């Protein structure tokens, strides 16, 4: 997503693989995502952000949202990059992650 605003309610993002970054959600350049009662689980990235990769973007977890059991070389649940990147948790949790394969 690039300069986008996304709201997800009662959604599941699961079982994805990215050869680089953000296998569940990949966000860049001032984007925002708000999750409410949603789950991002069991995703795997070979580099950054198994669940969510957010470059200069804002992630908000609300309700009973869970970002769990994701794996990546760096930042299994959420990887934030840049001065404007931010994670706001008003409900739910980010983590725990699972071990990155090969480590």
Protein backbone atom coordinates (compact mmCIF):
# COMPACT_ATOMS: atom_id res chain seq x y z
CA UNK A 1 0.00 0.00 0.00
CA UNK A 2 1.31 3.46 -0.85
CA UNK A 3 -0.37 6.51 0.76
CA UNK A 4 -3.44 4.39 1.45
CA UNK A 5 -5.82 4.09 4.38
CA UNK A 6 -7.24 0.64 5.12
CA UNK A 7 -9.65 -0.45 7.83
CA UNK A 8 -10.10 -4.17 8.47
CA UNK A 9 -12.81 -5.52 10.78
CA UNK A 10 -13.31 -9.22 11.58
CA UNK A 11 -10.66 -10.30 9.03
CA UNK A 12 -7.99 -13.00 8.94
CA UNK A 13 -4.71 -12.74 7.01
CA UNK A 14 -2.91 -16.06 7.36
CA UNK A 15 -0.56 -18.52 5.70
CA UNK A 16 1.32 -16.16 3.39
CA UNK A 17 5.00 -16.08 2.43
CA UNK A 18 7.03 -13.12 1.14
CA UNK A 19 10.43 -13.56 -0.44
CA UNK A 20 11.41 -10.23 1.10
CA UNK A 21 9.22 -8.08 3.40
CA UNK A 22 5.70 -7.97 4.85
CA UNK A 23 4.04 -11.27 4.12
CA UNK A 24 0.78 -10.36 5.86
CA UNK A 25 0.64 -6.60 5.18
CA UNK A 26 3.18 -4.42 3.30
CA UNK A 27 2.82 -0.64 3.73
CA UNK A 28 4.93 2.28 2.47
CA UNK A 29 4.96 6.08 2.20
CA UNK A 30 2.45 7.43 4.68
CA UNK A 31 -0.11 4.64 4.64
CA UNK A 32 -2.23 3.57 7.60
CA UNK A 33 -4.04 0.41 8.58
CA UNK A 34 -6.51 -0.05 11.41
CA UNK A 35 -7.35 -3.57 12.51
CA UNK A 36 -10.41 -4.25 14.65
CA UNK A 37 -11.10 -7.80 15.87
CA UNK A 38 -8.80 -9.10 13.13
CA UNK A 39 -5.96 -11.63 13.09
CA UNK A 40 -2.68 -11.64 11.18
CA UNK A 41 -1.19 -15.06 11.94
CA UNK A 42 1.13 -17.74 10.59
CA UNK A 43 2.78 -15.59 7.92
CA UNK A 44 6.48 -15.70 7.02
CA UNK A 45 8.83 -13.16 5.41
CA UNK A 46 12.42 -13.85 4.41
CA UNK A 47 13.58 -10.41 5.58
CA UNK A 48 11.51 -7.82 7.52
CA UNK A 49 8.02 -7.99 9.04
CA UNK A 50 6.52 -11.45 9.01
CA UNK A 51 3.09 -10.11 9.97
CA UNK A 52 3.32 -6.43 9.04
CA UNK A 53 6.00 -4.29 7.37
CA UNK A 54 5.34 -0.56 7.80
CA UNK A 55 7.71 2.00 6.26
CA UNK A 56 6.79 5.58 7.23
CA UNK A 57 3.29 4.24 8.02
CA UNK A 58 0.93 3.84 10.98
CA UNK A 59 -0.49 0.56 12.30
CA UNK A 60 -3.38 0.60 14.79
CA UNK A 61 -4.53 -2.55 16.57
CA UNK A 62 -7.94 -2.34 18.20
CA UNK A 63 -10.64 -4.57 19.62
CA UNK A 64 -9.22 -8.05 20.05
CA UNK A 65 -6.81 -7.91 17.09
CA UNK A 66 -3.90 -10.35 17.18
CA UNK A 67 -0.64 -10.25 15.23
CA UNK A 68 0.80 -13.57 16.39
CA UNK A 69 2.76 -16.64 15.26
CA UNK A 70 4.42 -14.79 12.36
CA UNK A 71 8.10 -15.23 11.46
CA UNK A 72 10.78 -13.11 9.76
CA UNK A 73 14.51 -12.64 9.94
CA UNK A 74 13.80 -9.20 11.50
CA UNK A 75 10.52 -8.29 13.22
CA UNK A 76 8.36 -11.38 13.28
CA UNK A 77 5.12 -9.62 14.27
CA UNK A 78 5.61 -6.02 13.10
CA UNK A 79 8.60 -4.22 11.60
CA UNK A 80 8.49 -0.40 11.71
CA UNK A 81 10.91 1.61 9.57
CA UNK A 82 11.33 5.39 9.38
CA UNK A 83 10.66 8.42 11.59
CA UNK A 84 6.91 8.47 10.94
CA UNK A 85 6.35 4.74 11.46
CA UNK A 86 4.19 4.02 14.52
CA UNK A 87 2.33 1.18 16.19
CA UNK A 88 -0.71 2.11 18.32
CA UNK A 89 -2.32 -0.65 20.36
CA UNK A 90 -5.74 0.20 21.78
CA UNK A 91 -6.70 -3.48 22.11
CA UNK A 92 -5.27 -6.87 21.23
CA UNK A 93 -1.59 -7.69 20.91
CA UNK A 94 1.42 -7.85 18.59
CA UNK A 95 3.37 -11.04 19.35
CA UNK A 96 4.49 -13.54 20.25
CA UNK A 97 6.24 -14.53 17.05
CA UNK A 98 7.51 -17.93 16.05
CA UNK A 99 11.17 -18.69 15.28
CA UNK A 100 12.42 -17.87 11.81
CA UNK A 101 13.16 -21.14 9.93
CA UNK A 102 16.83 -22.04 10.00
CA UNK A 103 17.56 -20.28 13.32
